[in-house]
Amino acid sequence: MRSPWIIGPEMRGSAAERGFALLEALVALLLLGTVIAASLGAFAGGLRAEAGLDRHLTAVALAEHRLTELSLLPRDSLAAYGTIRAATFAAPFDDFRWSALVRPAPDHADLYRAAVRITWNDGAFSLETMFYRPDPLPAALRSGP
C-alpha cells in the first residue's frame, strides 16, 4: 500500500505545466521589480524636490528680511541704494547672496520702490515692494530763507 503523503507520477504536473508556473513566477518578479524601481525613483525625486523647496523658502525669508531692513532705513540713507548694492549673507546663510535697489517712485517724491534679489548656487528669487517715506521737513522749510 502506498503512503498518501507521497505524490506519485500521476499526481505531479506535466513538464509544460511546471514550465508555465516558472514563467508566471518570472513575470511576477519582473512586474514587482518594475514597481519597486519606479517607487524608488519617485521617492528620490521627492527628496530632491524637498531639498530645492527648502532652499527656496530660505531665500524667500531672507528676501523678506532684507526688504524689511530697507523699509526701516531713514530717508537720507535710501540714496545709498540708488545703484545696485550686493553682498553675501552672514553664516549660516553664506551660500546666499543678495542685491538691492531702492528708487523714488516717478509719480510721488515720498514713495519708494525697493527690489531685492536673492541668489544661490542653483536658483534665484526676487521680491519687490513700495513704501512711503515722507520728508520730515515741510516744503516751506526745505527751500530756505
Protein backbone atom coordinates (compact mmCIF):
# COMPACT_ATOMS: atom_id res chain seq x y z
CA MET A 1 0.00 0.00 0.00
CA ARG A 2 1.17 3.39 -0.88
CA SER A 3 1.53 6.24 1.63
CA PRO A 4 -0.92 9.09 0.97
CA TRP A 5 1.90 11.58 1.56
CA ILE A 6 3.99 10.53 -1.37
CA ILE A 7 2.98 12.05 -4.67
CA GLY A 8 3.10 9.59 -7.48
CA PRO A 9 3.81 10.32 -11.13
CA GLU A 10 0.13 10.51 -11.91
CA MET A 11 -0.34 13.41 -9.41
CA ARG A 12 2.61 15.54 -10.49
CA GLY A 13 2.06 18.25 -13.14
CA SER A 14 3.37 17.73 -16.61
CA ALA A 15 6.58 19.41 -17.76
CA ALA A 16 4.57 22.01 -19.68
CA GLU A 17 2.61 22.94 -16.56
CA ARG A 18 5.79 23.23 -14.48
CA GLY A 19 7.33 25.47 -17.17
CA PHE A 20 4.23 27.64 -17.22
CA ALA A 21 4.43 28.11 -13.43
CA LEU A 22 8.08 29.15 -13.77
CA LEU A 23 7.15 31.64 -16.49
CA GLU A 24 4.39 33.06 -14.28
CA ALA A 25 6.87 33.49 -11.41
CA LEU A 26 9.38 35.27 -13.66
CA VAL A 27 6.71 37.65 -14.99
CA ALA A 28 5.57 38.39 -11.43
CA LEU A 29 9.16 39.13 -10.37
CA LEU A 30 9.65 41.36 -13.40
CA LEU A 31 6.50 43.33 -12.56
CA LEU A 32 7.50 43.60 -8.91
CA GLY A 33 10.97 44.83 -9.88
CA THR A 34 9.49 47.45 -12.21
CA VAL A 35 7.13 48.72 -9.50
CA ILE A 36 9.94 48.89 -6.94
CA ALA A 37 12.26 50.73 -9.33
CA ALA A 38 9.54 53.27 -10.18
CA SER A 39 8.73 53.76 -6.49
CA LEU A 40 12.37 54.37 -5.62
CA GLY A 41 12.70 56.84 -8.49
CA ALA A 42 9.63 58.75 -7.30
CA PHE A 43 10.93 58.76 -3.73
CA ALA A 44 14.33 60.10 -4.82
CA GLY A 45 12.62 62.79 -6.91
CA GLY A 46 10.54 63.78 -3.90
CA LEU A 47 13.68 64.13 -1.78
CA ARG A 48 15.33 66.33 -4.43
CA ALA A 49 12.21 68.48 -4.69
CA GLU A 50 12.06 68.85 -0.90
CA ALA A 51 15.68 69.99 -0.76
CA GLY A 52 15.03 72.54 -3.52
CA LEU A 53 11.91 73.78 -1.74
CA ASP A 54 13.86 74.22 1.49
CA ARG A 55 16.43 76.41 -0.32
CA HIS A 56 13.65 78.42 -1.97
CA LEU A 57 11.81 79.00 1.33
CA THR A 58 15.06 80.16 2.93
CA ALA A 59 15.56 82.61 0.05
CA VAL A 60 12.01 83.95 0.49
CA ALA A 61 12.60 84.53 4.21
CA LEU A 62 15.94 86.25 3.53
CA ALA A 63 14.37 88.49 0.86
CA GLU A 64 11.56 89.50 3.21
CA HIS A 65 14.10 90.22 5.94
CA ARG A 66 16.24 92.37 3.64
CA LEU A 67 13.19 94.32 2.38
CA THR A 68 12.10 94.95 5.96
CA GLU A 69 15.54 96.33 6.77
CA LEU A 70 15.38 98.61 3.72
CA SER A 71 11.90 99.85 4.58
CA LEU A 72 13.12 100.89 8.04
CA LEU A 73 16.03 102.98 6.78
CA PRO A 74 15.73 106.74 7.21
CA ARG A 75 15.05 108.72 4.07
CA ASP A 76 18.59 110.10 3.80
CA SER A 77 20.06 106.56 3.90
CA LEU A 78 18.00 105.38 0.93
CA ALA A 79 20.19 107.32 -1.51
CA ALA A 80 22.97 104.77 -0.94
CA TYR A 81 20.73 102.16 -2.60
CA GLY A 82 20.13 104.30 -5.72
CA THR A 83 22.52 101.97 -7.51
CA ILE A 84 22.56 98.22 -7.04
CA ARG A 85 24.26 97.13 -3.82
CA ALA A 86 25.14 93.49 -3.27
CA ALA A 87 26.65 91.32 -0.55
CA THR A 88 26.62 87.84 0.92
CA PHE A 89 24.59 86.96 3.99
CA ALA A 90 26.40 86.02 7.19
CA ALA A 91 26.73 82.38 8.28
CA PRO A 92 24.82 80.08 8.26
CA PHE A 93 23.33 81.65 5.12
CA ASP A 94 26.66 82.47 3.48
CA ASP A 95 25.79 80.50 0.34
CA PHE A 96 23.02 83.06 -0.36
CA ARG A 97 23.83 86.41 -1.97
CA TRP A 98 21.59 89.49 -2.05
CA SER A 99 21.38 92.54 -4.27
CA ALA A 100 19.10 95.51 -3.64
CA LEU A 101 17.96 98.64 -5.40
CA VAL A 102 15.77 101.45 -3.99
CA ARG A 103 14.50 104.29 -6.15
CA PRO A 104 11.90 107.02 -5.68
CA ALA A 105 8.66 106.36 -7.50
CA PRO A 106 8.40 108.62 -10.56
CA ASP A 107 4.96 109.96 -9.70
CA HIS A 108 5.44 110.68 -5.98
CA ALA A 109 8.51 112.07 -4.21
CA ASP A 110 7.79 110.35 -0.88
CA LEU A 111 7.07 106.91 -2.34
CA TYR A 112 9.97 104.48 -2.87
CA ARG A 113 10.19 101.27 -4.83
CA ALA A 114 12.54 98.62 -3.44
CA ALA A 115 13.66 95.39 -5.09
CA VAL A 116 15.72 92.58 -3.59
CA ARG A 117 17.13 89.59 -5.45
CA ILE A 118 18.45 86.55 -3.60
CA THR A 119 20.69 84.12 -5.49
CA TRP A 120 22.26 80.82 -4.54
CA ASN A 121 24.20 78.18 -6.45
CA ASP A 122 21.22 76.77 -8.39
CA GLY A 123 18.47 79.35 -8.09
CA ALA A 124 17.26 82.89 -7.60
CA PHE A 125 14.30 84.69 -6.05
CA SER A 126 13.19 88.32 -6.43
CA LEU A 127 10.86 90.37 -4.29
CA GLU A 128 9.66 93.96 -4.71
CA THR A 129 7.68 96.38 -2.58
CA MET A 130 6.84 100.05 -2.29
CA PHE A 131 6.94 102.08 0.90
CA TYR A 132 6.18 105.60 1.98
CA ARG A 133 8.98 107.66 3.46
CA PRO A 134 7.87 111.29 3.85
CA ASP A 135 10.33 114.14 4.08
CA PRO A 136 10.41 115.17 7.75
CA LEU A 137 10.65 118.88 6.86
CA PRO A 138 7.71 120.81 5.45
CA ALA A 139 8.19 122.21 1.94
CA ALA A 140 8.48 125.80 3.25
CA LEU A 141 11.43 124.87 5.48
CA ARG A 142 13.21 122.87 2.78
CA SER A 143 13.55 125.81 0.39
CA GLY A 144 15.25 128.00 2.99
CA PRO A 145 15.05 131.80 3.53
